[in-house]
C-alpha atoms as a PDB file:
ATOM      1  CA  MET A   1      -7.045 -24.436  34.899  1.00  0.00           C
ATOM      2  CA  ALA A   2      -4.979 -22.105  32.662  1.00  0.00           C
ATOM      3  CA  LEU A   3      -6.864 -19.620  30.521  1.00  0.00           C
ATOM      4  CA  LYS A   4      -6.638 -20.136  26.779  1.00  0.00           C
ATOM      5  CA  GLU A   5      -4.500 -17.587  24.932  1.00  0.00           C
ATOM      6  CA  PRO A   6      -6.689 -15.439  22.646  1.00  0.00           C
ATOM      7  CA  THR A   7      -6.130 -15.836  18.915  1.00  0.00           C
ATOM      8  CA  ILE A   8      -5.693 -12.900  16.569  1.00  0.00           C
ATOM      9  CA  SER A   9      -9.316 -13.198  15.392  1.00  0.00           C
ATOM     10  CA  GLU A  10     -10.586 -13.296  18.966  1.00  0.00           C
ATOM     11  CA  THR A  11      -8.660 -10.212  20.035  1.00  0.00           C
ATOM     12  CA  LYS A  12     -10.009  -8.290  17.020  1.00  0.00           C
ATOM     13  CA  LEU A  13      -8.946  -4.699  17.663  1.00  0.00           C
ATOM     14  CA  ALA A  14      -7.517  -5.463  21.079  1.00  0.00           C
ATOM     15  CA  HIS A  15      -4.907  -3.031  22.355  1.00  0.00           C
ATOM     16  CA  LEU A  16      -2.148  -4.944  24.134  1.00  0.00           C
ATOM     17  CA  LYS A  17       0.447  -3.263  26.351  1.00  0.00           C
ATOM     18  CA  MET A  18       4.085  -4.278  25.808  1.00  0.00           C
ATOM     19  CA  SER A  19       7.509  -2.891  24.923  1.00  0.00           C
ATOM     20  CA  TYR A  20       8.800  -2.863  21.349  1.00  0.00           C
ATOM     21  CA  GLU A  21      11.237  -5.664  22.212  1.00  0.00           C
ATOM     22  CA  GLU A  22       8.352  -7.763  23.607  1.00  0.00           C
ATOM     23  CA  PHE A  23       6.336  -6.985  20.489  1.00  0.00           C
ATOM     24  CA  LEU A  24       9.113  -8.350  18.268  1.00  0.00           C
ATOM     25  CA  GLN A  25       9.144 -11.615  20.241  1.00  0.00           C
ATOM     26  CA  TRP A  26       5.341 -11.872  20.345  1.00  0.00           C
ATOM     27  CA  ALA A  27       4.560 -11.177  16.671  1.00  0.00           C
ATOM     28  CA  ASP A  28       5.291 -13.571  13.824  1.00  0.00           C
ATOM     29  CA  GLU A  29       5.209 -13.169  10.039  1.00  0.00           C
ATOM     30  CA  ASP A  30       1.457 -13.890   9.925  1.00  0.00           C
ATOM     31  CA  THR A  31       0.549 -11.328  12.592  1.00  0.00           C
ATOM     32  CA  HIS A  32      -1.132  -8.187  11.278  1.00  0.00           C
ATOM     33  CA  ALA A  33      -0.448  -5.704  14.071  1.00  0.00           C
ATOM     34  CA  GLU A  34       1.258  -2.384  14.719  1.00  0.00           C
ATOM     35  CA  TRP A  35       3.223  -1.099  17.730  1.00  0.00           C
ATOM     36  CA  VAL A  36       2.625   2.493  18.840  1.00  0.00           C
ATOM     37  CA  GLU A  37       3.910   4.054  22.076  1.00  0.00           C
ATOM     38  CA  GLY A  38       3.966   0.849  24.100  1.00  0.00           C
ATOM     39  CA  GLU A  39       0.693  -0.472  22.723  1.00  0.00           C
ATOM     40  CA  VAL A  40       0.018  -3.173  20.136  1.00  0.00           C
ATOM     41  CA  ILE A  41      -2.967  -2.723  17.819  1.00  0.00           C
ATOM     42  CA  VAL A  42      -4.168  -6.039  16.383  1.00  0.00           C
ATOM     43  CA  HIS A  43      -6.120  -5.587  13.163  1.00  0.00           C
ATOM     44  CA  MET A  44      -9.231  -7.306  11.885  1.00  0.00           C
ATOM     45  CA  PRO A  45      -8.812  -9.323   8.670  1.00  0.00           C
ATOM     46  CA  PRO A  46      -9.502  -6.912   5.775  1.00  0.00           C
ATOM     47  CA  LYS A  47     -12.679  -7.156   3.704  1.00  0.00           C
ATOM     48  CA  ASP A  48     -12.627  -8.350   0.104  1.00  0.00           C
ATOM     49  CA  ILE A  49     -12.941  -4.868  -1.455  1.00  0.00           C
ATOM     50  CA  HIS A  50      -9.954  -3.727   0.598  1.00  0.00           C
ATOM     51  CA  GLN A  51      -7.858  -6.670  -0.605  1.00  0.00           C
ATOM     52  CA  THR A  52      -8.978  -6.278  -4.210  1.00  0.00           C
ATOM     53  CA  THR A  53      -8.124  -2.568  -4.247  1.00  0.00           C
ATOM     54  CA  SER A  54      -4.793  -3.188  -2.550  1.00  0.00           C
ATOM     55  CA  GLY A  55      -3.896  -5.987  -4.978  1.00  0.00           C
ATOM     56  CA  PHE A  56      -4.864  -3.867  -7.985  1.00  0.00           C
ATOM     57  CA  LEU A  57      -2.665  -0.927  -6.923  1.00  0.00           C
ATOM     58  CA  TYR A  58       0.195  -3.204  -5.925  1.00  0.00           C
ATOM     59  CA  TRP A  59       0.180  -4.895  -9.333  1.00  0.00           C
ATOM     60  CA  LEU A  60       0.196  -1.580 -11.233  1.00  0.00           C
ATOM     61  CA  LEU A  61       2.914  -0.042  -9.075  1.00  0.00           C
ATOM     62  CA  ARG A  62       5.135  -3.100  -9.007  1.00  0.00           C
ATOM     63  CA  SER A  63       4.882  -3.587 -12.782  1.00  0.00           C
ATOM     64  CA  PHE A  64       5.967   0.022 -13.366  1.00  0.00           C
ATOM     65  CA  VAL A  65       8.737  -0.026 -10.744  1.00  0.00           C
ATOM     66  CA  ASP A  66      10.122  -3.384 -11.899  1.00  0.00           C
ATOM     67  CA  LEU A  67      10.003  -2.381 -15.565  1.00  0.00           C
ATOM     68  CA  PHE A  68      12.219   0.657 -14.976  1.00  0.00           C
ATOM     69  CA  ASN A  69      14.221  -0.823 -12.073  1.00  0.00           C
ATOM     70  CA  LEU A  70      13.197   2.043  -9.767  1.00  0.00           C
ATOM     71  CA  GLY A  71      13.271   0.175  -6.452  1.00  0.00           C
ATOM     72  CA  LYS A  72      10.829  -2.100  -4.658  1.00  0.00           C
ATOM     73  CA  VAL A  73       7.096  -2.150  -3.873  1.00  0.00           C
ATOM     74  CA  VAL A  74       6.000  -3.948  -0.696  1.00  0.00           C
ATOM     75  CA  ILE A  75       2.514  -5.038   0.335  1.00  0.00           C
ATOM     76  CA  ALA A  76       1.261  -5.656   3.896  1.00  0.00           C
ATOM     77  CA  PRO A  77       1.940  -7.200   6.266  1.00  0.00           C
ATOM     78  CA  PHE A  78       5.505  -5.912   6.543  1.00  0.00           C
ATOM     79  CA  GLU A  79       6.890  -3.700   9.290  1.00  0.00           C
ATOM     80  CA  VAL A  80       8.026  -0.117   8.752  1.00  0.00           C
ATOM     81  CA  LYS A  81       9.973   1.368  11.684  1.00  0.00           C
ATOM     82  CA  LEU A  82       9.670   5.042  10.879  1.00  0.00           C
ATOM     83  CA  LYS A  83      12.091   6.238  13.582  1.00  0.00           C
ATOM     84  CA  PRO A  84      14.267   4.436  16.173  1.00  0.00           C
ATOM     85  CA  ASP A  85      12.011   5.741  18.953  1.00  0.00           C
ATOM     86  CA  GLY A  86       8.864   5.869  16.845  1.00  0.00           C
ATOM     87  CA  PRO A  87       5.992   3.534  15.959  1.00  0.00           C
ATOM     88  CA  ALA A  88       6.177   0.298  13.981  1.00  0.00           C
ATOM     89  CA  ARG A  89       3.517   0.468  11.271  1.00  0.00           C
ATOM     90  CA  GLU A  90       2.376  -1.910   8.536  1.00  0.00           C
ATOM     91  CA  PRO A  91       1.245   0.225   5.566  1.00  0.00           C
ATOM     92  CA  ASP A  92      -1.016  -1.464   3.038  1.00  0.00           C
ATOM     93  CA  ILE A  93       1.493  -0.673   0.260  1.00  0.00           C
ATOM     94  CA  PHE A  94       4.769   1.226   0.190  1.00  0.00           C
ATOM     95  CA  PHE A  95       7.467   2.043  -2.348  1.00  0.00           C
ATOM     96  CA  ILE A  96      11.203   2.230  -1.652  1.00  0.00           C
ATOM     97  CA  ALA A  97      13.380   4.048  -4.162  1.00  0.00           C
ATOM     98  CA  GLN A  98      16.528   2.311  -5.391  1.00  0.00           C
ATOM     99  CA  GLU A  99      18.811   4.595  -3.356  1.00  0.00           C
ATOM    100  CA  ASN A 100      17.041   3.653  -0.105  1.00  0.00           C
ATOM    101  CA  LEU A 101      17.009  -0.143  -0.484  1.00  0.00           C
ATOM    102  CA  ASN A 102      19.965  -0.399   1.896  1.00  0.00           C
ATOM    103  CA  ARG A 103      17.486   0.271   4.724  1.00  0.00           C
ATOM    104  CA  LEU A 104      15.423  -2.813   3.861  1.00  0.00           C
ATOM    105  CA  THR A 105      16.029  -6.031   5.824  1.00  0.00           C
ATOM    106  CA  GLU A 106      14.228  -9.377   5.877  1.00  0.00           C
ATOM    107  CA  GLU A 107      12.302  -8.270   8.975  1.00  0.00           C
ATOM    108  CA  ARG A 108      11.471  -4.595   8.342  1.00  0.00           C
ATOM    109  CA  PHE A 109      12.145  -1.327   6.565  1.00  0.00           C
ATOM    110  CA  VAL A 110      13.880   1.283   8.731  1.00  0.00           C
ATOM    111  CA  GLY A 111      13.024   4.935   8.140  1.00  0.00           C
ATOM    112  CA  PRO A 112      10.440   6.612   5.890  1.00  0.00           C
ATOM    113  CA  PRO A 113       9.485   4.891   2.612  1.00  0.00           C
ATOM    114  CA  ASP A 114       9.263   7.179  -0.410  1.00  0.00           C
ATOM    115  CA  LEU A 115       5.556   6.503  -0.972  1.00  0.00           C
ATOM    116  CA  ILE A 116       2.902   4.992   1.314  1.00  0.00           C
ATOM    117  CA  ILE A 117      -0.631   3.969   0.358  1.00  0.00           C
ATOM    118  CA  GLU A 118      -3.303   3.215   2.957  1.00  0.00           C
ATOM    119  CA  ILE A 119      -6.643   1.665   1.978  1.00  0.00           C
ATOM    120  CA  ILE A 120      -9.199   2.962   4.477  1.00  0.00           C
ATOM    121  CA  SER A 121     -11.509   0.578   6.318  1.00  0.00           C
ATOM    122  CA  LYS A 122     -14.136   1.335   8.945  1.00  0.00           C
ATOM    123  CA  GLU A 123     -11.805   0.665  11.858  1.00  0.00           C
ATOM    124  CA  SER A 124      -8.800   2.461  10.313  1.00  0.00           C
ATOM    125  CA  ALA A 125     -10.388   5.709   9.066  1.00  0.00           C
ATOM    126  CA  HIS A 126      -9.380   7.935  11.994  1.00  0.00           C
ATOM    127  CA  ARG A 127      -5.972   6.284  12.348  1.00  0.00           C
ATOM    128  CA  ASP A 128      -5.148   6.650   8.640  1.00  0.00           C
ATOM    129  CA  ARG A 129      -6.403  10.231   8.330  1.00  0.00           C
ATOM    130  CA  HIS A 130      -4.928  11.602  11.543  1.00  0.00           C
ATOM    131  CA  GLN A 131      -2.392   9.468  13.437  1.00  0.00           C
ATOM    132  CA  LYS A 132      -0.626   7.963  10.439  1.00  0.00           C
ATOM    133  CA  PHE A 133      -0.984  11.191   8.462  1.00  0.00           C
ATOM    134  CA  ASN A 134       1.001  13.049  11.146  1.00  0.00           C
ATOM    135  CA  GLU A 135       3.497  10.215  11.705  1.00  0.00           C
ATOM    136  CA  TYR A 136       4.274   9.792   8.010  1.00  0.00           C
ATOM    137  CA  CYS A 137       4.613  13.546   7.523  1.00  0.00           C
ATOM    138  CA  GLN A 138       6.934  14.015  10.515  1.00  0.00           C
ATOM    139  CA  ALA A 139       9.025  10.998   9.488  1.00  0.00           C
ATOM    140  CA  GLY A 140       9.523  12.388   5.980  1.00  0.00           C
ATOM    141  CA  VAL A 141       7.432  10.066   3.776  1.00  0.00           C
ATOM    142  CA  ARG A 142       7.543  11.997   0.504  1.00  0.00           C
ATOM    143  CA  GLU A 143       4.125  10.965  -0.811  1.00  0.00           C
ATOM    144  CA  TYR A 144       1.002   9.626   0.924  1.00  0.00           C
ATOM    145  CA  TRP A 145      -2.120   8.264  -0.761  1.00  0.00           C
ATOM    146  CA  LEU A 146      -5.350   7.727   1.169  1.00  0.00           C
ATOM    147  CA  ILE A 147      -7.794   5.515  -0.716  1.00  0.00           C
ATOM    148  CA  ASP A 148     -11.339   4.890   0.540  1.00  0.00           C
ATOM    149  CA  SER A 149     -12.981   2.192  -1.587  1.00  0.00           C
ATOM    150  CA  ARG A 150     -15.903   1.496   0.767  1.00  0.00           C
ATOM    151  CA  PRO A 151     -19.375   1.646  -0.869  1.00  0.00           C
ATOM    152  CA  HIS A 152     -20.942   5.113  -0.533  1.00  0.00           C
ATOM    153  CA  LYS A 153     -17.671   6.526   0.878  1.00  0.00           C
ATOM    154  CA  GLN A 154     -15.474   6.328  -2.191  1.00  0.00           C
ATOM    155  CA  GLY A 155     -12.728   8.926  -2.176  1.00  0.00           C
ATOM    156  CA  ALA A 156      -9.016   9.450  -2.683  1.00  0.00           C
ATOM    157  CA  ASP A 157      -6.586  12.060  -1.372  1.00  0.00           C
ATOM    158  CA  PHE A 158      -3.027  12.379  -2.687  1.00  0.00           C
ATOM    159  CA  PHE A 159      -0.451  14.312  -0.636  1.00  0.00           C
ATOM    160  CA  TYR A 160       3.190  15.214  -1.173  1.00  0.00           C
ATOM    161  CA  LEU A 161       5.744  16.614   1.269  1.00  0.00           C
ATOM    162  CA  ASN A 162       6.383  20.251   0.359  1.00  0.00           C
ATOM    163  CA  GLU A 163       9.436  22.412   1.075  1.00  0.00           C
ATOM    164  CA  GLN A 164       8.040  23.293   4.521  1.00  0.00           C
ATOM    165  CA  ASN A 165       7.952  19.549   5.362  1.00  0.00           C
ATOM    166  CA  GLU A 166       4.153  19.634   5.450  1.00  0.00           C
ATOM    167  CA  TYR A 167       1.710  17.493   3.505  1.00  0.00           C
ATOM    168  CA  GLU A 168       0.086  19.343   0.642  1.00  0.00           C
ATOM    169  CA  LEU A 169      -2.933  17.937  -1.194  1.00  0.00           C
ATOM    170  CA  PHE A 170      -2.150  17.723  -4.906  1.00  0.00           C
ATOM    171  CA  ALA A 171      -5.039  15.600  -6.200  1.00  0.00           C
ATOM    172  CA  THR A 172      -8.336  13.952  -5.192  1.00  0.00           C
ATOM    173  CA  GLU A 173     -10.880  11.518  -6.611  1.00  0.00           C
ATOM    174  CA  GLU A 174     -12.316  14.433  -8.636  1.00  0.00           C
ATOM    175  CA  ASP A 175      -9.220  14.577 -10.837  1.00  0.00           C
ATOM    176  CA  GLU A 176      -9.427  12.658 -14.096  1.00  0.00           C
ATOM    177  CA  ARG A 177      -5.749  11.750 -13.950  1.00  0.00           C
ATOM    178  CA  VAL A 178      -3.275  11.727 -11.039  1.00  0.00           C
ATOM    179  CA  GLU A 179       0.484  11.755 -11.623  1.00  0.00           C
ATOM    180  CA  SER A 180       2.817  10.633  -8.842  1.00  0.00           C
ATOM    181  CA  ARG A 181       5.447  13.135  -7.659  1.00  0.00           C
ATOM    182  CA  VAL A 182       7.747  10.359  -6.404  1.00  0.00           C
ATOM    183  CA  LEU A 183       7.417   8.102  -9.466  1.00  0.00           C
ATOM    184  CA  PRO A 184       7.647  10.357 -12.544  1.00  0.00           C
ATOM    185  CA  GLY A 185       5.771   8.786 -15.422  1.00  0.00           C
ATOM    186  CA  PHE A 186       3.417   6.749 -13.232  1.00  0.00           C
ATOM    187  CA  TRP A 187      -0.189   7.878 -13.294  1.00  0.00           C
ATOM    188  CA  LEU A 188      -3.661   6.524 -12.668  1.00  0.00           C
ATOM    189  CA  ARG A 189      -7.293   7.493 -12.967  1.00  0.00           C
ATOM    190  CA  PRO A 190      -9.071   7.550  -9.563  1.00  0.00           C
ATOM    191  CA  ASP A 191     -12.112   6.175 -11.368  1.00  0.00           C
ATOM    192  CA  TRP A 192     -10.232   2.884 -11.756  1.00  0.00           C
ATOM    193  CA  LEU A 193     -10.261   2.450  -7.969  1.00  0.00           C
ATOM    194  CA  TRP A 194     -14.044   2.053  -7.892  1.00  0.00           C
ATOM    195  CA  ARG A 195     -13.962  -0.551 -10.678  1.00  0.00           C
ATOM    196  CA  VAL A 196     -11.156  -2.817  -9.493  1.00  0.00           C
ATOM    197  CA  GLU A 197     -13.410  -5.896  -9.500  1.00  0.00           C
ATOM    198  CA  THR A 198     -14.103  -5.539 -13.236  1.00  0.00           C
ATOM    199  CA  LEU A 199     -10.833  -4.127 -14.603  1.00  0.00           C
ATOM    200  CA  ASN A 200      -7.873  -6.152 -15.820  1.00  0.00           C
ATOM    201  CA  PRO A 201      -4.714  -4.474 -14.445  1.00  0.00           C
ATOM    202  CA  LEU A 202      -2.607  -5.961 -17.249  1.00  0.00           C
ATOM    203  CA  THR A 203      -4.820  -4.322 -19.868  1.00  0.00           C
ATOM    204  CA  ILE A 204      -4.670  -1.007 -18.020  1.00  0.00           C
ATOM    205  CA  PHE A 205      -0.898  -1.207 -17.725  1.00  0.00           C
ATOM    206  CA  PHE A 206      -0.349  -1.721 -21.460  1.00  0.00           C
ATOM    207  CA  GLU A 207      -3.104   0.587 -22.637  1.00  0.00           C
ATOM    208  CA  ASN A 208      -2.517   3.529 -20.301  1.00  0.00           C
ATOM    209  CA  MET A 209       1.045   3.238 -19.011  1.00  0.00           C
ATOM    210  CA  GLY A 210       2.383   2.079 -22.347  1.00  0.00           C
ATOM    211  CA  GLY A 211       0.269   4.399 -24.494  1.00  0.00           C
ATOM    212  CA  MET A 212      -1.242   1.524 -26.478  1.00  0.00           C
ATOM    213  CA  SER A 213      -4.753   1.366 -27.816  1.00  0.00           C
ATOM    214  CA  SER A 214      -7.202  -1.286 -26.635  1.00  0.00           C
ATOM    215  CA  GLU A 215      -6.910  -2.971 -30.043  1.00  0.00           C
ATOM    216  CA  GLN A 216      -3.125  -3.226 -29.700  1.00  0.00           C
ATOM    217  CA  VAL A 217      -3.553  -4.730 -26.245  1.00  0.00           C
ATOM    218  CA  LYS A 218      -5.949  -7.336 -27.664  1.00  0.00           C
ATOM    219  CA  GLU A 219      -3.419  -8.213 -30.373  1.00  0.00           C
ATOM    220  CA  ILE A 220      -0.711  -8.752 -27.721  1.00  0.00           C
ATOM    221  CA  GLN A 221      -3.064 -10.964 -25.696  1.00  0.00           C
ATOM    222  CA  GLN A 222      -3.948 -13.047 -28.760  1.00  0.00           C
ATOM    223  CA  THR A 223      -0.273 -13.417 -29.690  1.00  0.00           C
ATOM    224  CA  LEU A 224       0.558 -14.598 -26.164  1.00  0.00           C
ATOM    225  CA  ARG A 225      -2.311 -17.111 -26.227  1.00  0.00           C
ATOM    226  CA  ARG A 226      -1.115 -18.511 -29.567  1.00  0.00           C
ATOM    227  CA  GLY A 227       2.405 -18.795 -28.199  1.00  0.00           C
ATOM    228  CA  PHE A 228       1.222 -20.648 -25.088  1.00  0.00           C
ATOM    229  CA  SER A 229      -0.841 -23.013 -27.256  1.00  0.00           C
ATOM    230  CA  LYS A 230       2.182 -23.868 -29.406  1.00  0.00           C
ATOM    231  CA  ASP A 231       4.289 -24.574 -26.313  1.00  0.00           C
ATOM    232  CA  LYS A 232       1.681 -27.064 -25.116  1.00  0.00           C
ATOM    233  CA  ASP A 233       1.666 -28.814 -28.490  1.00  0.00           C
END
């Protein structure tokens, strides 16, 4: 009797041995896994707080990038092949500047993105802080954000690639306001990251990115609601 093939949920954090070519044949668009030095790391489904934080940051970044036509923001799962002979990672979020979009295909992004964000989970903490930190730095990722939204472990570290091609910490969760080095004009308050379940990203975008007051934002919302009501009539 043939043994049943394990599903992704059953393998959990199983480490499977195979070549990169075998990995490409084995994985499909719904597989959340990374290939590193002949080994496949299959990831556990993320917890709700991880997804909520990721979605919140993705919405803010994409709104800003799309508004000014700066490039493209991608959310996991999507492969990033940092180097031809290097690992295939799936960052939680990454940004590609307009001038680098030629390296984006339907299957993967080849080379270092301009900005990578990893949302730390229990099983990814060491990997995000050490392995990926070194890989992203050596590959030339210009900015790296490490966000830990887990209860009682909340923290954020923001790094940029300095002239010595080393990651330099330029902000943490203790800063009131953090401005991106790769996306001039984009900023956020780390405090938002601990309140993602109660904040409206649209309100934050207009109020903070657009320099509008909360009352102006409310007026825009009311105007939109009235417009939608008229369309229905």
